[in-house]
N, C-alpha and C. Protein backbone atom coordinates (compact mmCIF):
# COMPACT_ATOMS: atom_id res chain seq x y z
N MET A 1 163.45 95.09 171.29
CA MET A 1 162.71 95.27 169.80
C MET A 1 163.96 95.42 168.88
N SER A 2 163.15 94.90 167.65
CA SER A 2 163.98 95.31 166.61
C SER A 2 163.08 95.33 165.56
N LYS A 3 163.32 95.75 164.44
CA LYS A 3 162.62 95.76 163.04
C LYS A 3 161.95 94.48 162.45
N ILE A 4 160.56 94.20 161.82
CA ILE A 4 160.34 92.96 161.67
C ILE A 4 160.43 93.43 160.34
N ARG A 5 161.75 92.23 159.48
CA ARG A 5 161.37 92.38 158.36
C ARG A 5 160.27 91.16 157.41
N GLY A 6 159.83 92.12 156.23
CA GLY A 6 158.98 91.55 155.37
C GLY A 6 157.84 92.28 155.44
N GLU A 7 156.20 92.08 155.00
CA GLU A 7 155.78 92.85 154.63
C GLU A 7 154.24 92.54 155.57
N MET A 8 153.86 93.19 156.14
CA MET A 8 152.11 93.12 156.73
C MET A 8 151.07 92.52 155.64
N SER A 9 150.58 91.68 156.90
CA SER A 9 149.91 90.55 155.70
C SER A 9 148.62 91.24 154.78
N CYS A 10 148.58 92.52 155.25
CA CYS A 10 147.55 93.09 154.09
C CYS A 10 148.33 94.25 153.58
N SER A 11 149.28 93.84 153.09
CA SER A 11 149.76 94.58 151.64
C SER A 11 149.10 94.20 150.82
N THR A 12 149.22 95.13 149.66
CA THR A 12 148.43 94.78 148.70
C THR A 12 148.95 93.36 147.98
N GLU A 13 150.49 93.59 147.74
CA GLU A 13 150.90 92.53 147.32
C GLU A 13 150.74 91.42 147.92
N ILE A 14 150.30 91.18 148.85
CA ILE A 14 150.20 89.44 149.58
C ILE A 14 148.47 89.61 149.56
N MET A 15 147.71 90.34 149.77
CA MET A 15 146.62 90.53 149.06
C MET A 15 145.84 89.80 148.28
N GLU A 16 147.37 89.92 147.33
CA GLU A 16 146.28 89.54 145.90
C GLU A 16 146.80 88.00 145.88
N ASN A 17 147.32 87.70 146.66
CA ASN A 17 147.00 85.96 146.36
C ASN A 17 146.25 85.41 147.65
N PRO A 18 144.99 85.54 148.23
CA PRO A 18 144.63 85.22 148.79
C PRO A 18 144.58 83.43 149.55
N LYS A 19 144.45 83.10 148.44
CA LYS A 19 144.57 81.32 148.89
C LYS A 19 146.11 81.28 149.69
N GLY A 20 146.92 81.86 148.94
CA GLY A 20 148.67 81.82 149.50
C GLY A 20 148.01 82.45 150.80
N LEU A 21 147.76 83.83 151.06
CA LEU A 21 147.68 84.14 152.37
C LEU A 21 147.10 83.67 153.57
N VAL A 22 145.72 83.19 153.07
CA VAL A 22 145.26 82.44 154.29
C VAL A 22 145.85 81.08 154.51
N LYS A 23 146.57 80.28 153.80
CA LYS A 23 147.51 79.55 153.94
C LYS A 23 148.80 79.73 155.10
N ILE A 24 149.02 81.04 154.86
CA ILE A 24 150.27 81.12 155.92
C ILE A 24 149.52 81.68 157.05
N LEU A 25 148.39 82.04 157.02
CA LEU A 25 147.78 82.69 158.74
C LEU A 25 147.37 81.20 159.43
N ALA A 26 146.80 80.54 158.60
CA ALA A 26 146.99 79.19 159.33
C ALA A 26 147.69 78.58 159.79
N GLN A 27 149.06 78.58 159.58
CA GLN A 27 150.46 77.78 159.73
C GLN A 27 150.44 78.96 161.03
N GLY A 28 150.27 80.10 160.73
CA GLY A 28 150.87 80.90 161.83
C GLY A 28 149.86 81.03 163.16
N LEU A 29 148.63 80.44 163.11
CA LEU A 29 147.71 80.31 163.89
C LEU A 29 148.68 78.82 164.66
N ARG A 30 148.97 77.49 163.90
CA ARG A 30 149.11 76.59 164.48
C ARG A 30 150.33 76.55 165.10
N MET A 31 151.30 77.46 164.27
CA MET A 31 152.75 78.06 165.19
C MET A 31 152.30 77.69 166.61
N LEU A 32 151.35 79.52 167.12
CA LEU A 32 151.27 80.04 167.97
C LEU A 32 150.67 78.70 169.05
N TRP A 33 149.32 77.89 168.33
CA TRP A 33 148.88 77.07 169.35
C TRP A 33 149.85 76.44 169.92
N ASN A 34 150.64 75.59 169.27
CA ASN A 34 151.62 74.86 169.56
C ASN A 34 152.65 75.30 170.98
N ILE A 35 152.51 76.68 171.53
CA ILE A 35 153.53 76.74 172.39
C ILE A 35 153.06 76.57 173.55
N GLU A 36 153.98 75.86 174.36
CA GLU A 36 153.66 74.98 175.71
C GLU A 36 152.95 76.27 176.65
N ILE A 37 151.98 76.46 177.33
CA ILE A 37 151.33 77.36 178.13
C ILE A 37 151.57 76.91 179.69
N SER A 38 151.98 75.78 179.82
CA SER A 38 151.72 74.97 181.40
C SER A 38 152.52 76.40 182.49
N THR A 39 153.36 77.23 181.52
CA THR A 39 153.99 77.95 182.56
C THR A 39 153.61 79.65 181.95
N CYS A 40 152.76 79.64 181.46
CA CYS A 40 152.85 80.94 180.84
C CYS A 40 151.92 81.88 181.88
N PRO A 41 152.08 82.97 182.02
CA PRO A 41 151.93 83.82 183.08
C PRO A 41 150.71 84.85 182.96
N ALA A 42 150.42 85.04 181.71
CA ALA A 42 149.49 86.02 180.97
C ALA A 42 148.07 85.11 180.65
N ASN A 43 147.03 85.15 181.43
CA ASN A 43 145.83 84.12 181.54
C ASN A 43 144.77 85.31 180.77
N ASN A 44 144.67 84.84 179.65
CA ASN A 44 143.71 85.65 179.26
C ASN A 44 142.06 84.83 178.81
N SER A 45 142.03 84.05 179.55
CA SER A 45 140.23 83.25 179.44
C SER A 45 139.48 84.03 179.86
N ILE A 46 137.95 83.58 179.38
CA ILE A 46 137.26 84.30 179.28
C ILE A 46 136.47 84.86 180.97
N ASP A 47 136.61 84.45 181.90
CA ASP A 47 136.59 85.06 182.94
C ASP A 47 137.53 86.21 183.54
N ASN A 48 139.18 85.81 183.09
CA ASN A 48 139.21 87.26 182.80
C ASN A 48 139.60 88.52 181.96
N LYS A 49 139.09 87.91 180.58
CA LYS A 49 138.63 89.15 180.05
C LYS A 49 137.60 89.57 180.01
N LEU A 50 136.53 88.74 181.09
CA LEU A 50 135.26 89.54 181.31
C LEU A 50 135.91 90.25 182.72
N LYS A 51 136.39 89.92 183.43
CA LYS A 51 137.14 91.22 184.21
C LYS A 51 137.06 92.47 183.85
N LEU A 52 138.73 92.32 182.95
CA LEU A 52 138.82 93.60 182.17
C LEU A 52 137.48 94.19 181.67
N ALA A 53 137.01 93.59 180.87
CA ALA A 53 136.26 94.16 180.27
C ALA A 53 134.74 95.23 181.01
N GLU A 54 134.59 94.37 182.28
CA GLU A 54 133.93 95.16 183.32
C GLU A 54 134.72 96.34 183.69
N ILE A 55 135.76 96.20 183.76
CA ILE A 55 136.65 97.61 184.30
C ILE A 55 136.47 98.91 183.15
N ARG A 56 136.77 98.34 181.67
CA ARG A 56 136.47 99.04 180.56
C ARG A 56 134.96 99.77 180.84
N VAL A 57 134.04 98.75 180.72
CA VAL A 57 132.82 99.17 180.52
C VAL A 57 132.33 100.38 181.78
N SER A 58 132.49 100.07 182.70
CA SER A 58 131.81 100.86 183.61
C SER A 58 132.73 101.77 184.04
N ASN A 59 134.29 102.44 183.36
CA ASN A 59 134.92 103.30 183.27
C ASN A 59 134.87 103.92 181.68
N ASN A 60 133.40 103.78 180.72
CA ASN A 60 132.68 104.28 179.79
C ASN A 60 134.10 104.49 178.45
N LEU A 61 134.95 103.53 178.51
CA LEU A 61 136.37 103.38 177.82
C LEU A 61 136.16 102.90 175.99
N CYS A 62 135.01 102.17 176.02
CA CYS A 62 134.55 101.27 175.18
C CYS A 62 134.13 102.14 174.11
N ASN A 63 134.39 102.05 173.21
CA ASN A 63 134.02 103.28 171.89
C ASN A 63 132.91 102.12 171.02
N ILE A 64 131.91 103.52 170.76
CA ILE A 64 130.80 102.41 170.56
C ILE A 64 130.74 102.87 168.51
N GLU A 65 131.57 103.79 168.44
CA GLU A 65 131.58 104.15 166.99
C GLU A 65 132.31 103.26 166.22
N ASP A 66 133.02 102.80 167.03
CA ASP A 66 134.00 101.94 166.39
C ASP A 66 134.00 100.51 166.47
N ALA A 67 132.64 100.06 166.48
CA ALA A 67 132.32 98.86 166.69
C ALA A 67 131.43 98.50 165.10
N GLU A 68 131.47 97.07 165.35
CA GLU A 68 130.47 96.51 163.74
C GLU A 68 129.62 97.39 163.57
N PRO A 69 129.17 97.09 162.72
CA PRO A 69 127.81 98.31 162.05
C PRO A 69 126.83 97.27 163.14
N GLU A 70 126.56 96.47 163.21
CA GLU A 70 125.41 95.51 164.19
C GLU A 70 125.57 94.91 165.30
N THR A 71 126.61 95.63 166.14
CA THR A 71 126.77 95.13 167.18
C THR A 71 125.80 96.06 168.29
N TYR A 72 125.41 97.48 167.82
CA TYR A 72 124.71 98.38 168.51
C TYR A 72 123.53 98.51 167.90
N GLY A 73 122.66 99.01 168.18
CA GLY A 73 121.16 99.56 167.42
C GLY A 73 120.33 98.88 167.09
N THR A 74 119.44 99.24 166.45
CA THR A 74 118.12 98.61 166.25
C THR A 74 118.09 96.94 166.44
N ASN A 75 119.01 96.12 165.89
CA ASN A 75 119.09 95.11 165.65
C ASN A 75 120.19 94.63 166.72
N GLY A 76 120.53 95.14 167.57
CA GLY A 76 122.16 95.09 168.38
C GLY A 76 121.96 94.97 169.75
N PHE A 77 122.79 95.45 170.39
CA PHE A 77 122.71 95.54 172.08
C PHE A 77 122.72 97.40 171.76
N SER A 78 121.96 97.96 172.62
CA SER A 78 121.44 99.12 173.45
C SER A 78 122.92 100.11 173.51
N ASN A 79 123.59 99.15 174.66
CA ASN A 79 124.99 99.84 175.05
C ASN A 79 125.75 98.74 175.18
N PRO A 80 126.88 98.86 175.56
CA PRO A 80 128.35 98.21 176.21
C PRO A 80 127.69 97.09 177.46
N GLU A 81 127.18 97.59 178.48
CA GLU A 81 126.65 97.08 180.10
C GLU A 81 125.47 96.11 179.13
N GLU A 82 124.64 96.10 178.01
CA GLU A 82 124.31 95.18 177.65
C GLU A 82 124.90 94.09 177.33
N LEU A 83 125.87 94.26 176.20
CA LEU A 83 126.78 93.57 175.62
C LEU A 83 127.11 92.84 176.70
N LEU A 84 128.24 92.95 177.50
CA LEU A 84 128.80 92.66 178.89
C LEU A 84 128.02 91.70 179.03
N GLN A 85 126.87 92.20 179.59
CA GLN A 85 125.69 91.05 180.62
C GLN A 85 125.31 89.73 179.60
N TRP A 86 125.13 89.85 178.04
CA TRP A 86 125.23 88.98 177.24
C TRP A 86 126.34 88.21 177.05
N LEU A 87 127.68 88.86 176.94
CA LEU A 87 128.86 88.06 177.10
C LEU A 87 128.91 87.58 178.31
N LYS A 88 128.64 87.65 179.97
CA LYS A 88 128.56 86.75 180.81
C LYS A 88 127.46 85.46 180.66
N ASN A 89 126.61 85.94 180.16
CA ASN A 89 125.71 84.65 180.18
C ASN A 89 125.81 83.50 179.10
N ASN A 90 126.70 83.66 178.37
CA ASN A 90 126.61 83.42 176.94
C ASN A 90 128.22 82.41 176.94
N LYS A 91 128.56 82.53 178.00
CA LYS A 91 130.68 82.21 177.62
C LYS A 91 130.32 80.62 177.44
N PRO A 92 131.08 80.49 176.22
CA PRO A 92 131.27 79.12 175.60
C PRO A 92 132.50 78.47 176.44
N MET A 93 132.14 76.94 176.17
CA MET A 93 133.82 76.40 176.50
C MET A 93 134.74 76.55 175.74
N GLU A 94 135.86 76.56 176.45
CA GLU A 94 136.96 76.82 175.93
C GLU A 94 138.09 76.04 175.82
N GLU A 95 139.24 75.52 174.74
CA GLU A 95 140.11 75.24 174.68
C GLU A 95 141.44 75.94 174.41
N LEU A 96 142.23 76.00 175.64
CA LEU A 96 143.31 76.96 175.88
C LEU A 96 144.55 76.58 175.27
N VAL A 97 144.97 77.71 174.25
CA VAL A 97 145.95 77.28 173.64
C VAL A 97 146.67 78.98 173.85
N PHE A 98 147.73 78.72 173.46
CA PHE A 98 148.86 80.30 173.12
C PHE A 98 147.95 81.09 172.31
N SER A 99 147.53 82.30 172.60
CA SER A 99 146.70 83.33 171.64
C SER A 99 147.98 84.51 171.78
N HIS A 100 147.39 84.87 170.06
CA HIS A 100 147.89 86.18 170.29
C HIS A 100 147.26 87.26 170.65
N GLY A 101 145.97 86.82 170.66
CA GLY A 101 145.44 88.03 171.30
C GLY A 101 144.53 89.01 170.35
N ASP A 102 145.08 89.54 169.28
CA ASP A 102 144.67 90.11 168.16
C ASP A 102 145.31 90.09 166.98
N TYR A 103 144.66 88.46 166.80
CA TYR A 103 145.67 88.23 165.19
C TYR A 103 144.87 88.48 164.01
N CYS A 104 145.02 89.47 163.52
CA CYS A 104 144.16 90.79 162.63
C CYS A 104 145.72 90.82 161.80
N LEU A 105 145.26 91.10 160.16
CA LEU A 105 146.66 91.04 159.31
C LEU A 105 147.44 91.74 159.48
N PRO A 106 147.24 93.70 159.69
CA PRO A 106 148.42 94.37 160.33
C PRO A 106 149.14 93.81 161.17
N ASN A 107 148.79 92.69 162.29
CA ASN A 107 149.88 92.64 162.97
C ASN A 107 150.46 91.00 162.70
N ILE A 108 150.51 91.04 161.37
CA ILE A 108 151.44 89.60 161.47
C ILE A 108 151.98 90.11 159.88
N PHE A 109 153.54 89.63 159.94
CA PHE A 109 154.66 89.88 158.86
C PHE A 109 154.78 88.79 158.30
N ILE A 110 155.17 88.62 156.99
CA ILE A 110 155.54 88.01 156.29
C ILE A 110 156.23 87.96 155.40
N SER A 111 157.17 87.01 154.67
CA SER A 111 158.58 87.05 154.49
C SER A 111 158.69 85.59 153.45
N ASN A 112 158.69 86.06 152.17
CA ASN A 112 159.10 84.80 151.48
C ASN A 112 158.51 83.26 151.70
N ASN A 113 156.95 84.07 151.67
CA ASN A 113 155.91 83.38 151.80
C ASN A 113 155.66 82.42 153.33
N ASN A 114 156.27 83.13 154.13
CA ASN A 114 155.85 82.64 155.48
C ASN A 114 155.98 83.79 157.04
N ILE A 115 155.53 82.91 157.43
CA ILE A 115 155.35 84.02 158.76
C ILE A 115 156.78 84.37 159.33
N ASN A 116 156.65 85.68 159.37
CA ASN A 116 158.41 86.69 159.64
C ASN A 116 158.11 86.95 161.36
N GLY A 117 157.42 87.55 161.94
CA GLY A 117 157.37 87.97 163.18
C GLY A 117 155.50 88.47 163.35
N PHE A 118 155.58 88.57 164.64
CA PHE A 118 153.60 89.08 165.05
C PHE A 118 154.41 90.45 166.06
N ILE A 119 153.41 91.42 165.69
CA ILE A 119 153.53 92.69 166.44
C ILE A 119 152.32 92.74 166.96
N ASP A 120 151.96 93.52 168.20
CA ASP A 120 150.89 93.82 168.55
C ASP A 120 150.26 92.88 169.71
N LEU A 121 150.98 92.29 170.45
CA LEU A 121 151.29 90.71 171.22
C LEU A 121 150.94 91.31 172.76
N GLY A 122 150.32 92.34 173.06
CA GLY A 122 150.18 93.03 174.43
C GLY A 122 148.35 92.03 174.73
N ARG A 123 148.14 91.55 173.87
CA ARG A 123 146.90 90.44 174.45
C ARG A 123 147.10 89.14 174.33
N SER A 124 148.24 89.05 174.11
CA SER A 124 148.80 87.74 173.94
C SER A 124 149.18 86.92 175.50
N GLY A 125 148.89 85.36 175.46
CA GLY A 125 149.15 84.82 176.34
C GLY A 125 147.87 83.10 176.03
N ILE A 126 147.25 82.70 177.24
CA ILE A 126 146.70 81.66 177.19
C ILE A 126 145.09 82.11 177.26
N ALA A 127 144.75 81.76 175.94
CA ALA A 127 142.61 82.11 176.19
C ALA A 127 142.85 80.79 174.62
N ASP A 128 141.32 80.81 174.67
CA ASP A 128 140.64 79.94 173.81
C ASP A 128 140.89 80.19 171.95
N LYS A 129 141.36 79.02 171.63
CA LYS A 129 141.74 79.33 170.60
C LYS A 129 140.75 80.20 169.14
N TYR A 130 139.41 80.15 169.55
CA TYR A 130 139.00 80.89 169.02
C TYR A 130 138.99 82.34 168.83
N GLN A 131 139.59 82.70 170.30
CA GLN A 131 140.39 84.19 170.12
C GLN A 131 140.59 84.57 168.76
N ASP A 132 141.91 83.94 168.61
CA ASP A 132 142.59 83.91 167.41
C ASP A 132 141.96 83.71 165.68
N ILE A 133 140.82 82.91 165.98
CA ILE A 133 139.84 82.56 164.62
C ILE A 133 139.26 83.48 164.62
N ALA A 134 138.57 83.81 165.58
CA ALA A 134 137.30 85.06 164.67
C ALA A 134 137.72 86.30 164.62
N LEU A 135 138.96 86.51 165.59
CA LEU A 135 139.71 87.95 165.05
C LEU A 135 140.32 88.40 163.69
N CYS A 136 140.78 86.92 163.20
CA CYS A 136 141.58 86.38 161.88
C CYS A 136 139.94 86.31 160.69
N TYR A 137 139.50 85.70 161.48
CA TYR A 137 138.31 85.49 160.12
C TYR A 137 137.38 86.96 159.94
N ARG A 138 136.93 87.97 160.89
CA ARG A 138 136.56 89.04 160.72
C ARG A 138 138.13 90.39 159.90
N SER A 139 139.25 90.04 160.45
CA SER A 139 139.90 90.77 159.65
C SER A 139 140.55 90.27 157.76
N LEU A 140 139.82 89.45 157.49
CA LEU A 140 140.21 88.65 156.70
C LEU A 140 138.86 89.96 155.45
N ILE A 141 137.67 89.40 156.03
CA ILE A 141 136.42 90.41 155.42
C ILE A 141 136.96 91.46 155.77
N ARG A 142 137.37 92.06 156.61
CA ARG A 142 137.12 93.41 156.57
C ARG A 142 138.56 94.03 155.41
N ASN A 143 139.41 93.25 155.58
CA ASN A 143 140.33 93.77 154.51
C ASN A 143 139.81 93.76 153.03
N PHE A 144 139.48 91.99 152.86
CA PHE A 144 139.26 91.94 151.37
C PHE A 144 137.92 92.52 150.93
N ASP A 145 136.59 93.24 152.15
CA ASP A 145 135.45 93.92 151.78
C ASP A 145 135.84 95.66 151.37
N GLY A 146 137.36 95.93 151.23
CA GLY A 146 137.83 97.17 151.59
C GLY A 146 137.02 98.04 152.45
N THR A 147 136.96 97.70 153.84
CA THR A 147 136.46 98.34 155.16
C THR A 147 137.57 98.62 155.73
N TYR A 148 139.18 98.08 155.80
CA TYR A 148 140.29 98.27 155.94
C TYR A 148 141.02 98.49 155.01
N GLY A 149 141.16 99.42 154.34
CA GLY A 149 141.93 99.62 152.83
C GLY A 149 141.00 100.43 151.95
N GLU A 150 141.59 100.44 150.63
CA GLU A 150 140.91 101.25 149.70
C GLU A 150 140.38 100.05 148.50
N LYS A 151 140.86 99.26 148.24
CA LYS A 151 140.81 98.54 147.38
C LYS A 151 139.80 97.45 147.72
N VAL A 152 138.68 96.82 146.92
CA VAL A 152 137.63 95.79 147.47
C VAL A 152 138.51 94.63 146.39
N TYR A 153 137.86 93.25 147.52
CA TYR A 153 138.80 92.44 146.19
C TYR A 153 137.43 91.17 146.40
N ASP A 154 136.94 91.00 145.39
CA ASP A 154 135.70 90.58 144.98
C ASP A 154 135.99 88.91 144.34
N GLY A 155 134.75 88.47 145.59
CA GLY A 155 134.45 86.64 144.92
C GLY A 155 135.45 86.49 146.11
N PHE A 156 136.22 87.24 147.46
CA PHE A 156 136.91 86.27 148.08
C PHE A 156 136.17 85.92 149.46
N ASP A 157 136.48 84.70 149.69
CA ASP A 157 135.35 83.94 150.58
C ASP A 157 136.30 83.65 151.55
N ALA A 158 136.24 84.67 153.12
CA ALA A 158 137.09 84.40 154.12
C ALA A 158 136.79 82.84 154.57
N ALA A 159 135.74 82.39 154.69
CA ALA A 159 135.58 80.62 155.23
C ALA A 159 136.65 79.92 154.52
N ILE A 160 137.14 80.16 153.77
CA ILE A 160 138.61 79.43 153.50
C ILE A 160 139.75 78.97 154.69
N LEU A 161 139.54 80.20 155.47
CA LEU A 161 140.28 79.84 156.72
C LEU A 161 140.04 78.62 157.12
N PHE A 162 138.98 78.09 157.30
CA PHE A 162 138.41 77.21 157.77
C PHE A 162 138.74 75.70 157.38
N ASP A 163 138.35 75.64 155.85
CA ASP A 163 139.14 74.73 155.10
C ASP A 163 140.96 74.48 155.54
N GLU A 164 141.64 75.79 155.35
CA GLU A 164 142.77 75.65 155.50
C GLU A 164 143.77 74.89 157.28
N LEU A 165 142.46 75.43 158.51
CA LEU A 165 142.63 74.96 159.68
C LEU A 165 142.01 73.54 159.62
N LYS A 166 141.54 72.92 158.58
CA LYS A 166 140.61 71.79 158.45
C LYS A 166 139.90 71.43 159.92
N ILE A 167 138.75 72.85 159.98
CA ILE A 167 138.23 72.59 161.31
C ILE A 167 136.65 73.11 160.39
N VAL A 168 135.57 72.65 161.68
CA VAL A 168 134.30 72.88 161.07
C VAL A 168 134.24 74.12 161.85
N PRO A 169 133.79 75.28 161.04
CA PRO A 169 133.54 76.50 162.08
C PRO A 169 132.52 76.69 162.73
N ASP A 170 132.84 76.93 164.21
CA ASP A 170 131.63 77.37 165.68
C ASP A 170 131.61 78.41 165.36
N TRP A 171 130.32 78.92 164.92
CA TRP A 171 129.75 80.23 164.45
C TRP A 171 129.40 80.95 165.68
N GLU A 172 128.95 80.51 166.88
CA GLU A 172 128.40 80.75 168.22
C GLU A 172 130.03 81.52 168.30
N LYS A 173 130.99 80.64 168.60
CA LYS A 173 132.05 81.04 168.97
C LYS A 173 132.87 82.38 168.50
N ILE A 174 132.74 82.12 167.20
CA ILE A 174 133.17 83.42 166.86
C ILE A 174 132.45 84.49 166.22
N LYS A 175 131.30 84.53 166.60
CA LYS A 175 130.34 85.76 167.17
C LYS A 175 130.52 86.17 168.38
N TYR A 176 130.58 85.44 169.33
CA TYR A 176 131.04 85.53 170.73
C TYR A 176 132.16 86.36 170.68
N TYR A 177 133.47 86.05 170.33
CA TYR A 177 134.84 86.55 170.59
C TYR A 177 134.90 87.91 169.62
N ILE A 178 134.02 87.71 168.41
CA ILE A 178 134.17 89.17 167.69
C ILE A 178 133.39 90.29 168.98
N LEU A 179 132.53 89.23 169.25
CA LEU A 179 131.74 90.72 170.25
C LEU A 179 132.31 91.32 171.25
N LEU A 180 133.15 89.58 172.11
CA LEU A 180 133.93 90.42 173.24
C LEU A 180 134.95 91.39 172.70
N ASP A 181 135.46 91.26 171.43
CA ASP A 181 136.83 92.21 171.46
C ASP A 181 135.83 93.66 170.91
N GLU A 182 134.52 93.59 170.98
CA GLU A 182 134.05 95.17 171.14
C GLU A 182 134.26 96.12 172.04
N LEU A 183 134.36 95.38 173.28
CA LEU A 183 134.54 95.71 174.75
C LEU A 183 136.01 96.32 174.83
N PHE A 184 137.03 95.76 173.75
CA PHE A 184 138.29 96.61 173.88
C PHE A 184 139.16 97.26 172.73
């Protein structure tokens, strides 16, 4: 391993240019998705992730306090077991690609307006492309609204990610992968 040069994509300097940041993040996603997966040994498809989630749930390894506010409680799930069952019953179709697995702003380093490296690749492998889209979208929202960091960037719309990716967002898949991440 070596030190990655550059700035985390959630650094204040980089976040001051949200359109430029989102353009770079979309380029990084496309770069990962272009990696050949036919010989990739890491299978992070939904079925495999649900098996791991079941182990985590049965061993009480899911942190409810660290979850998104709407995941549990009055309008959410009563516990991780209920969430796991919902995930099993609502599996979406997958478009398999090479996935970072935790494509969030602190895990992406930028130098000279380009991706210079990725960290936290422990969950990388074959997975649905929405695994990365959903976590990137959530990370953009939470970094720009001040949840992860001290500064609030008013007027930012994380949906510009979809414009940059040239896709119509699949909101059900985004919801699914954010909820699946709650068990990890």
